[in-house]
PDB file of N, CA and C in Angstrom:
ATOM      1  N   UNK A   1      18.155   4.428 -14.177  1.00  0.00           N
ATOM      2  CA  UNK A   1      17.278   5.484 -13.707  1.00  0.00           C
ATOM      3  C   UNK A   1      16.077   5.564 -14.636  1.00  0.00           C
ATOM      4  N   UNK A   2      14.924   5.708 -14.044  1.00  0.00           N
ATOM      5  CA  UNK A   2      13.678   5.836 -14.796  1.00  0.00           C
ATOM      6  C   UNK A   2      13.125   7.230 -14.547  1.00  0.00           C
ATOM      7  N   UNK A   3      12.924   7.984 -15.600  1.00  0.00           N
ATOM      8  CA  UNK A   3      12.403   9.343 -15.482  1.00  0.00           C
ATOM      9  C   UNK A   3      11.074   9.417 -16.216  1.00  0.00           C
ATOM     10  N   UNK A   4      10.054   9.930 -15.548  1.00  0.00           N
ATOM     11  CA  UNK A   4       8.734  10.068 -16.159  1.00  0.00           C
ATOM     12  C   UNK A   4       8.197  11.467 -15.910  1.00  0.00           C
ATOM     13  N   UNK A   5       7.445  11.956 -16.868  1.00  0.00           N
ATOM     14  CA  UNK A   5       6.728  13.211 -16.729  1.00  0.00           C
ATOM     15  C   UNK A   5       5.296  12.866 -16.326  1.00  0.00           C
ATOM     16  N   UNK A   6       4.848  13.354 -15.192  1.00  0.00           N
ATOM     17  CA  UNK A   6       3.515  13.032 -14.705  1.00  0.00           C
ATOM     18  C   UNK A   6       2.434  13.382 -15.722  1.00  0.00           C
ATOM     19  N   UNK A   7       2.617  14.455 -16.462  1.00  0.00           N
ATOM     20  CA  UNK A   7       1.636  14.871 -17.468  1.00  0.00           C
ATOM     21  C   UNK A   7       1.513  13.854 -18.605  1.00  0.00           C
ATOM     22  N   UNK A   8       2.527  13.010 -18.785  1.00  0.00           N
ATOM     23  CA  UNK A   8       2.502  12.006 -19.848  1.00  0.00           C
ATOM     24  C   UNK A   8       1.935  10.673 -19.366  1.00  0.00           C
ATOM     25  N   UNK A   9       1.648  10.556 -18.080  1.00  0.00           N
ATOM     26  CA  UNK A   9       1.030   9.347 -17.536  1.00  0.00           C
ATOM     27  C   UNK A   9      -0.483   9.477 -17.708  1.00  0.00           C
ATOM     28  N   UNK A  10      -1.089   8.495 -18.342  1.00  0.00           N
ATOM     29  CA  UNK A  10      -2.517   8.562 -18.653  1.00  0.00           C
ATOM     30  C   UNK A  10      -3.355   8.630 -17.378  1.00  0.00           C
ATOM     31  N   UNK A  11      -4.320   9.507 -17.364  1.00  0.00           N
ATOM     32  CA  UNK A  11      -5.211   9.671 -16.222  1.00  0.00           C
ATOM     33  C   UNK A  11      -6.425   8.766 -16.397  1.00  0.00           C
ATOM     34  N   UNK A  12      -6.845   8.124 -15.305  1.00  0.00           N
ATOM     35  CA  UNK A  12      -8.026   7.258 -15.352  1.00  0.00           C
ATOM     36  C   UNK A  12      -8.683   7.253 -13.973  1.00  0.00           C
ATOM     37  N   UNK A  13      -9.918   6.776 -13.916  1.00  0.00           N
ATOM     38  CA  UNK A  13     -10.647   6.657 -12.655  1.00  0.00           C
ATOM     39  C   UNK A  13     -10.434   5.253 -12.118  1.00  0.00           C
ATOM     40  N   UNK A  14      -9.891   5.159 -10.905  1.00  0.00           N
ATOM     41  CA  UNK A  14      -9.621   3.870 -10.285  1.00  0.00           C
ATOM     42  C   UNK A  14     -10.872   3.243  -9.705  1.00  0.00           C
ATOM     43  N   UNK A  15     -10.746   1.974  -9.302  1.00  0.00           N
ATOM     44  CA  UNK A  15     -11.880   1.256  -8.713  1.00  0.00           C
ATOM     45  C   UNK A  15     -12.320   1.889  -7.396  1.00  0.00           C
ATOM     46  N   UNK A  16     -11.420   2.662  -6.774  1.00  0.00           N
ATOM     47  CA  UNK A  16     -11.777   3.339  -5.525  1.00  0.00           C
ATOM     48  C   UNK A  16     -12.330   4.738  -5.778  1.00  0.00           C
ATOM     49  N   UNK A  17     -12.595   5.051  -7.052  1.00  0.00           N
ATOM     50  CA  UNK A  17     -13.199   6.316  -7.498  1.00  0.00           C
ATOM     51  C   UNK A  17     -12.266   7.529  -7.360  1.00  0.00           C
ATOM     52  N   UNK A  18     -10.970   7.296  -7.284  1.00  0.00           N
ATOM     53  CA  UNK A  18     -10.020   8.406  -7.323  1.00  0.00           C
ATOM     54  C   UNK A  18      -9.516   8.580  -8.751  1.00  0.00           C
ATOM     55  N   UNK A  19      -9.101   9.772  -9.081  1.00  0.00           N
ATOM     56  CA  UNK A  19      -8.482  10.040 -10.371  1.00  0.00           C
ATOM     57  C   UNK A  19      -7.002   9.688 -10.226  1.00  0.00           C
ATOM     58  N   UNK A  20      -6.529   8.777 -11.053  1.00  0.00           N
ATOM     59  CA  UNK A  20      -5.173   8.228 -10.911  1.00  0.00           C
ATOM     60  C   UNK A  20      -4.317   8.468 -12.139  1.00  0.00           C
ATOM     61  N   UNK A  21      -3.034   8.533 -11.901  1.00  0.00           N
ATOM     62  CA  UNK A  21      -2.013   8.467 -12.938  1.00  0.00           C
ATOM     63  C   UNK A  21      -0.983   7.456 -12.439  1.00  0.00           C
ATOM     64  N   UNK A  22      -0.844   6.355 -13.126  1.00  0.00           N
ATOM     65  CA  UNK A  22       0.111   5.330 -12.720  1.00  0.00           C
ATOM     66  C   UNK A  22       1.515   5.793 -13.082  1.00  0.00           C
ATOM     67  N   UNK A  23       2.334   6.020 -12.077  1.00  0.00           N
ATOM     68  CA  UNK A  23       3.677   6.541 -12.284  1.00  0.00           C
ATOM     69  C   UNK A  23       4.681   5.402 -12.458  1.00  0.00           C
ATOM     70  N   UNK A  24       4.556   4.370 -11.650  1.00  0.00           N
ATOM     71  CA  UNK A  24       5.499   3.252 -11.696  1.00  0.00           C
ATOM     72  C   UNK A  24       4.772   1.968 -11.359  1.00  0.00           C
ATOM     73  N   UNK A  25       4.882   0.974 -12.233  1.00  0.00           N
ATOM     74  CA  UNK A  25       4.274  -0.324 -11.988  1.00  0.00           C
ATOM     75  C   UNK A  25       5.222  -1.407 -12.501  1.00  0.00           C
ATOM     76  N   UNK A  26       5.535  -2.398 -11.661  1.00  0.00           N
ATOM     77  CA  UNK A  26       6.509  -3.412 -12.073  1.00  0.00           C
ATOM     78  C   UNK A  26       6.130  -4.172 -13.349  1.00  0.00           C
ATOM     79  N   UNK A  27       4.841  -4.340 -13.606  1.00  0.00           N
ATOM     80  CA  UNK A  27       4.422  -5.066 -14.807  1.00  0.00           C
ATOM     81  C   UNK A  27       4.533  -4.222 -16.066  1.00  0.00           C
ATOM     82  N   UNK A  28       4.497  -2.904 -15.928  1.00  0.00           N
ATOM     83  CA  UNK A  28       4.484  -2.029 -17.101  1.00  0.00           C
ATOM     84  C   UNK A  28       5.790  -1.291 -17.348  1.00  0.00           C
ATOM     85  N   UNK A  29       6.663  -1.236 -16.354  1.00  0.00           N
ATOM     86  CA  UNK A  29       7.869  -0.423 -16.476  1.00  0.00           C
ATOM     87  C   UNK A  29       9.170  -1.214 -16.445  1.00  0.00           C
ATOM     88  N   UNK A  30       9.086  -2.539 -16.527  1.00  0.00           N
ATOM     89  CA  UNK A  30      10.276  -3.386 -16.577  1.00  0.00           C
ATOM     90  C   UNK A  30      11.226  -3.109 -15.402  1.00  0.00           C
ATOM     91  N   UNK A  31      10.651  -3.040 -14.203  1.00  0.00           N
ATOM     92  CA  UNK A  31      11.430  -2.860 -12.979  1.00  0.00           C
ATOM     93  C   UNK A  31      11.056  -3.964 -11.989  1.00  0.00           C
ATOM     94  N   UNK A  32      12.012  -4.357 -11.178  1.00  0.00           N
ATOM     95  CA  UNK A  32      11.775  -5.421 -10.200  1.00  0.00           C
ATOM     96  C   UNK A  32      11.444  -4.782  -8.855  1.00  0.00           C
ATOM     97  N   UNK A  33      10.143  -4.582  -8.610  1.00  0.00           N
ATOM     98  CA  UNK A  33       9.657  -4.000  -7.367  1.00  0.00           C
ATOM     99  C   UNK A  33       8.457  -4.793  -6.886  1.00  0.00           C
ATOM    100  N   UNK A  34       8.201  -4.722  -5.594  1.00  0.00           N
ATOM    101  CA  UNK A  34       7.022  -5.403  -5.047  1.00  0.00           C
ATOM    102  C   UNK A  34       5.889  -4.419  -4.757  1.00  0.00           C
ATOM    103  N   UNK A  35       5.981  -3.234  -5.351  1.00  0.00           N
ATOM    104  CA  UNK A  35       4.943  -2.230  -5.134  1.00  0.00           C
ATOM    105  C   UNK A  35       4.792  -1.375  -6.390  1.00  0.00           C
ATOM    106  N   UNK A  36       3.746  -0.578  -6.403  1.00  0.00           N
ATOM    107  CA  UNK A  36       3.552   0.366  -7.494  1.00  0.00           C
ATOM    108  C   UNK A  36       3.393   1.761  -6.886  1.00  0.00           C
ATOM    109  N   UNK A  37       3.511   2.764  -7.727  1.00  0.00           N
ATOM    110  CA  UNK A  37       3.369   4.148  -7.290  1.00  0.00           C
ATOM    111  C   UNK A  37       2.414   4.851  -8.236  1.00  0.00           C
ATOM    112  N   UNK A  38       1.370   5.438  -7.677  1.00  0.00           N
ATOM    113  CA  UNK A  38       0.392   6.160  -8.491  1.00  0.00           C
ATOM    114  C   UNK A  38       0.132   7.520  -7.867  1.00  0.00           C
ATOM    115  N   UNK A  39      -0.184   8.471  -8.717  1.00  0.00           N
ATOM    116  CA  UNK A  39      -0.565   9.815  -8.298  1.00  0.00           C
ATOM    117  C   UNK A  39      -2.087   9.833  -8.292  1.00  0.00           C
ATOM    118  N   UNK A  40      -2.689  10.126  -7.146  1.00  0.00           N
ATOM    119  CA  UNK A  40      -4.144  10.126  -7.021  1.00  0.00           C
ATOM    120  C   UNK A  40      -4.631  11.520  -6.652  1.00  0.00           C
ATOM    121  N   UNK A  41      -5.789  11.893  -7.199  1.00  0.00           N
ATOM    122  CA  UNK A  41      -6.392  13.189  -6.893  1.00  0.00           C
ATOM    123  C   UNK A  41      -7.780  12.986  -6.310  1.00  0.00           C
ATOM    124  N   UNK A  42      -8.079  13.765  -5.301  1.00  0.00           N
ATOM    125  CA  UNK A  42      -9.416  13.833  -4.726  1.00  0.00           C
ATOM    126  C   UNK A  42      -9.754  15.290  -4.490  1.00  0.00           C
ATOM    127  N   UNK A  43     -11.009  15.621  -4.641  1.00  0.00           N
ATOM    128  CA  UNK A  43     -11.454  16.981  -4.327  1.00  0.00           C
ATOM    129  C   UNK A  43     -11.508  17.141  -2.811  1.00  0.00           C
ATOM    130  N   UNK A  44     -11.302  18.356  -2.308  1.00  0.00           N
ATOM    131  CA  UNK A  44     -11.382  18.581  -0.862  1.00  0.00           C
ATOM    132  C   UNK A  44     -12.706  18.055  -0.292  1.00  0.00           C
ATOM    133  N   UNK A  45     -12.624  17.307   0.786  1.00  0.00           N
ATOM    134  CA  UNK A  45     -13.805  16.732   1.421  1.00  0.00           C
ATOM    135  C   UNK A  45     -14.178  15.354   0.900  1.00  0.00           C
ATOM    136  N   UNK A  46     -13.668  14.953  -0.283  1.00  0.00           N
ATOM    137  CA  UNK A  46     -13.942  13.628  -0.832  1.00  0.00           C
ATOM    138  C   UNK A  46     -12.991  12.603  -0.229  1.00  0.00           C
ATOM    139  N   UNK A  47     -13.327  11.337  -0.365  1.00  0.00           N
ATOM    140  CA  UNK A  47     -12.432  10.259   0.062  1.00  0.00           C
ATOM    141  C   UNK A  47     -12.552   9.116  -0.931  1.00  0.00           C
ATOM    142  N   UNK A  48     -11.537   8.292  -0.963  1.00  0.00           N
ATOM    143  CA  UNK A  48     -11.576   7.131  -1.851  1.00  0.00           C
ATOM    144  C   UNK A  48     -12.463   6.060  -1.216  1.00  0.00           C
ATOM    145  N   UNK A  49     -12.962   5.171  -2.041  1.00  0.00           N
ATOM    146  CA  UNK A  49     -13.760   4.063  -1.525  1.00  0.00           C
ATOM    147  C   UNK A  49     -12.837   3.065  -0.827  1.00  0.00           C
ATOM    148  N   UNK A  50     -13.304   2.435   0.247  1.00  0.00           N
ATOM    149  CA  UNK A  50     -12.492   1.405   0.900  1.00  0.00           C
ATOM    150  C   UNK A  50     -12.154   0.300  -0.095  1.00  0.00           C
ATOM    151  N   UNK A  51     -10.922  -0.159  -0.048  1.00  0.00           N
ATOM    152  CA  UNK A  51     -10.507  -1.220  -0.959  1.00  0.00           C
ATOM    153  C   UNK A  51      -9.323  -1.966  -0.372  1.00  0.00           C
ATOM    154  N   UNK A  52      -9.052  -3.136  -0.918  1.00  0.00           N
ATOM    155  CA  UNK A  52      -7.929  -3.951  -0.477  1.00  0.00           C
ATOM    156  C   UNK A  52      -7.251  -4.521  -1.721  1.00  0.00           C
ATOM    157  N   UNK A  53      -5.950  -4.447  -1.745  1.00  0.00           N
ATOM    158  CA  UNK A  53      -5.177  -4.956  -2.871  1.00  0.00           C
ATOM    159  C   UNK A  53      -4.274  -6.094  -2.434  1.00  0.00           C
ATOM    160  N   UNK A  54      -3.816  -6.860  -3.397  1.00  0.00           N
ATOM    161  CA  UNK A  54      -2.856  -7.931  -3.104  1.00  0.00           C
ATOM    162  C   UNK A  54      -1.421  -7.423  -3.152  1.00  0.00           C
ATOM    163  N   UNK A  55      -1.252  -6.198  -3.579  1.00  0.00           N
ATOM    164  CA  UNK A  55       0.080  -5.609  -3.658  1.00  0.00           C
ATOM    165  C   UNK A  55       0.172  -4.438  -2.686  1.00  0.00           C
ATOM    166  N   UNK A  56       1.346  -3.861  -2.592  1.00  0.00           N
ATOM    167  CA  UNK A  56       1.580  -2.725  -1.712  1.00  0.00           C
ATOM    168  C   UNK A  56       1.354  -1.430  -2.472  1.00  0.00           C
ATOM    169  N   UNK A  57       0.673  -0.504  -1.846  1.00  0.00           N
ATOM    170  CA  UNK A  57       0.480   0.824  -2.415  1.00  0.00           C
ATOM    171  C   UNK A  57       1.348   1.818  -1.649  1.00  0.00           C
ATOM    172  N   UNK A  58       1.875   2.789  -2.359  1.00  0.00           N
ATOM    173  CA  UNK A  58       2.619   3.874  -1.734  1.00  0.00           C
ATOM    174  C   UNK A  58       1.839   5.167  -2.009  1.00  0.00           C
ATOM    175  N   UNK A  59       1.573   5.917  -0.968  1.00  0.00           N
ATOM    176  CA  UNK A  59       0.866   7.180  -1.098  1.00  0.00           C
ATOM    177  C   UNK A  59       1.801   8.328  -0.723  1.00  0.00           C
ATOM    178  N   UNK A  60       1.764   9.374  -1.505  1.00  0.00           N
ATOM    179  CA  UNK A  60       2.345  10.627  -1.053  1.00  0.00           C
ATOM    180  C   UNK A  60       1.236  11.655  -1.179  1.00  0.00           C
ATOM    181  N   UNK A  61       1.123  12.505  -0.193  1.00  0.00           N
ATOM    182  CA  UNK A  61      -0.022  13.403  -0.099  1.00  0.00           C
ATOM    183  C   UNK A  61       0.452  14.836  -0.269  1.00  0.00           C
ATOM    184  N   UNK A  62      -0.184  15.530  -1.194  1.00  0.00           N
ATOM    185  CA  UNK A  62       0.113  16.945  -1.428  1.00  0.00           C
ATOM    186  C   UNK A  62      -1.141  17.737  -1.078  1.00  0.00           C
ATOM    187  N   UNK A  63      -1.018  18.619  -0.122  1.00  0.00           N
ATOM    188  CA  UNK A  63      -2.159  19.446   0.277  1.00  0.00           C
ATOM    189  C   UNK A  63      -2.162  20.719  -0.557  1.00  0.00           C
ATOM    190  N   UNK A  64      -3.282  20.975  -1.205  1.00  0.00           N
ATOM    191  CA  UNK A  64      -3.408  22.200  -1.994  1.00  0.00           C
ATOM    192  C   UNK A  64      -3.910  23.309  -1.067  1.00  0.00           C
ATOM    193  N   UNK A  65      -3.221  24.410  -1.076  1.00  0.00           N
ATOM    194  CA  UNK A  65      -3.616  25.536  -0.209  1.00  0.00           C
ATOM    195  C   UNK A  65      -4.301  26.613  -1.018  1.00  0.00           C
TER     196      UNK A  65
END
């Protein structure tokens, strides 16, 4: 089991101009997966830049009310 605190994941600006925190990446976390998981933030009304990756991305969306 791998447990991470999101606050301890370094925040950075991705190539698609979203604010990211990499939660799980096979190259950095010593796990055998074909995808990565990142937490991305956008301001209401903003969108990420179109992009294409060679790997699979997983998105989970949290709507702030």
